[in-house]
Amino acid sequence: QLQLVESGGGLVQPGGSLRLSCAASGFTLDYYAIGWFRQAPGKEREGVSCISRSGVSTNYADSVKGRFTISRDNAKNTVYLQMNSLKPEDTAVYYCAASPRTVQALCGVTLYDYWGQGTQVTVSS
């Protein structure tokens, strides 16, 4: 059974940091582009950051550039999202997803076939 499990979410003050992890089971992430997405209440799911199958290329939403960093450790079958300088507007449920249909760091939601259950990130004082 293919499964992605996110962890690392929580409550953090503005300006703080969190590191999200996305661990895969039942399949090897080496063959997939991976994306992090988020969905706030009343809003559509949006791409936050994506990484190519090779890990060489990355892509970031303008709203998180310079603050978030995506990385992958294929040996651990895990992808990470380091989030620094968090803002209240970063509050959302964060999802990781895997795409077998692209090798590039593309963040189109419809490209991604396998999704985790999500982890809540709340940025508030």
Protein backbone atom coordinates (compact mmCIF):
# COMPACT_ATOMS: atom_id res chain seq x y z
CA GLN A 1 0.00 0.00 0.00
CA LEU A 2 1.42 3.35 -1.06
CA GLN A 3 1.43 5.80 1.82
CA LEU A 4 2.83 9.23 2.61
CA VAL A 5 2.90 10.43 6.19
CA GLU A 6 3.60 14.03 7.15
CA SER A 7 4.89 15.08 10.54
CA GLY A 8 6.40 18.12 12.23
CA GLY A 9 3.47 20.50 12.23
CA GLY A 10 2.36 22.44 15.26
CA LEU A 11 1.85 25.83 16.83
CA VAL A 12 4.66 28.35 16.45
CA GLN A 13 4.99 32.08 17.06
CA PRO A 14 5.53 34.49 14.17
CA GLY A 15 9.18 34.48 13.17
CA GLY A 16 9.64 30.92 14.35
CA SER A 17 10.63 27.78 12.46
CA LEU A 18 9.31 24.31 11.82
CA ARG A 19 10.59 21.38 9.80
CA LEU A 20 8.03 19.18 8.14
CA SER A 21 8.86 15.62 7.13
CA CYS A 22 7.17 13.42 4.56
CA ALA A 23 7.96 9.74 4.90
CA ALA A 24 6.97 7.21 2.28
CA SER A 25 6.08 3.58 2.78
CA GLY A 26 5.17 0.95 0.24
CA PHE A 27 7.11 2.67 -2.52
CA THR A 28 10.43 4.36 -3.23
CA LEU A 29 10.44 8.14 -3.54
CA ASP A 30 13.40 8.04 -5.94
CA TYR A 31 11.05 7.70 -8.89
CA TYR A 32 8.76 10.59 -8.00
CA ALA A 33 8.77 14.34 -8.02
CA ILE A 34 7.58 15.52 -4.61
CA GLY A 35 5.58 18.54 -3.69
CA TRP A 36 4.46 20.32 -0.56
CA PHE A 37 1.04 21.93 -0.74
CA ARG A 38 -1.10 23.79 1.76
CA GLN A 39 -4.74 24.59 2.22
CA ALA A 40 -6.10 27.25 4.53
CA PRO A 41 -9.78 27.36 5.54
CA GLY A 42 -11.93 28.64 2.71
CA LYS A 43 -9.05 28.65 0.24
CA GLU A 44 -7.94 26.37 -2.56
CA ARG A 45 -5.02 24.03 -2.15
CA GLU A 46 -1.85 25.70 -3.40
CA GLY A 47 1.64 24.55 -4.24
CA VAL A 48 4.25 25.69 -1.74
CA SER A 49 7.40 23.99 -2.95
CA CYS A 50 8.34 21.11 -5.21
CA ILE A 51 11.49 19.13 -5.90
CA SER A 52 12.46 17.20 -8.98
CA ARG A 53 12.99 13.48 -9.05
CA SER A 54 16.75 13.98 -9.04
CA GLY A 55 16.63 16.58 -6.31
CA VAL A 56 18.62 19.01 -8.44
CA SER A 57 15.73 21.34 -9.23
CA THR A 58 13.40 23.04 -6.80
CA ASN A 59 10.48 25.41 -7.12
CA TYR A 60 8.90 27.77 -4.60
CA ALA A 61 5.79 29.86 -4.41
CA ASP A 62 6.63 33.56 -4.37
CA SER A 63 5.11 33.87 -0.90
CA VAL A 64 7.68 31.49 0.63
CA LYS A 65 10.83 32.18 -1.41
CA GLY A 66 13.79 32.86 0.82
CA ARG A 67 12.02 31.44 3.86
CA PHE A 68 11.27 27.79 3.01
CA THR A 69 13.66 25.11 1.79
CA ILE A 70 12.69 21.75 0.34
CA SER A 71 15.08 18.82 0.36
CA ARG A 72 14.98 15.09 -0.09
CA ASP A 73 16.91 12.20 1.40
CA ASN A 74 16.27 9.22 -0.84
CA ALA A 75 18.24 6.93 1.46
CA LYS A 76 15.68 7.65 4.18
CA ASN A 77 12.80 7.76 1.70
CA THR A 78 11.86 11.13 3.16
CA VAL A 79 11.33 14.68 1.94
CA TYR A 80 11.61 17.74 4.18
CA LEU A 81 10.29 21.27 4.22
CA GLN A 82 12.27 23.65 6.42
CA MET A 83 10.13 26.67 7.20
CA ASN A 84 11.76 29.74 8.70
CA SER A 85 10.49 33.24 9.49
CA LEU A 86 6.96 31.93 9.67
CA LYS A 87 4.08 34.34 9.29
CA PRO A 88 0.43 34.08 10.37
CA GLU A 89 -0.53 33.77 6.70
CA ASP A 90 1.43 30.50 6.54
CA THR A 91 -1.21 28.93 8.76
CA ALA A 92 -2.74 25.97 6.89
CA VAL A 93 -2.84 22.22 6.62
CA TYR A 94 0.30 21.14 4.81
CA TYR A 95 0.29 18.10 2.54
CA CYS A 96 3.04 16.28 0.74
CA ALA A 97 2.37 14.53 -2.53
CA ALA A 98 4.19 12.38 -5.05
CA SER A 99 4.01 12.52 -8.82
CA PRO A 100 5.12 9.72 -11.13
CA ARG A 101 4.15 11.84 -14.14
CA THR A 102 6.88 14.45 -14.06
CA VAL A 103 10.61 14.45 -13.37
CA GLN A 104 10.64 18.22 -12.93
CA ALA A 105 9.92 20.41 -9.91
CA LEU A 106 6.42 21.29 -11.06
CA CYS A 107 3.79 22.25 -8.51
CA GLY A 108 0.57 21.71 -10.41
CA VAL A 109 -1.87 20.02 -8.06
CA THR A 110 -3.29 17.81 -10.80
CA LEU A 111 0.14 16.26 -11.49
CA TYR A 112 0.23 14.60 -8.09
CA ASP A 113 -1.39 11.22 -7.58
CA TYR A 114 -0.41 10.22 -4.06
CA TRP A 115 -1.18 12.41 -1.07
CA GLY A 116 -0.54 12.32 2.66
CA GLN A 117 -3.18 13.04 5.27
CA GLY A 118 -1.80 16.50 6.09
CA THR A 119 -0.29 18.18 9.13
CA GLN A 120 -1.57 21.39 10.70
CA VAL A 121 0.73 24.40 10.92
CA THR A 122 -0.52 27.31 13.00
CA VAL A 123 1.46 30.54 13.26
CA SER A 124 0.12 32.71 16.03
CA SER A 125 1.24 34.70 19.04
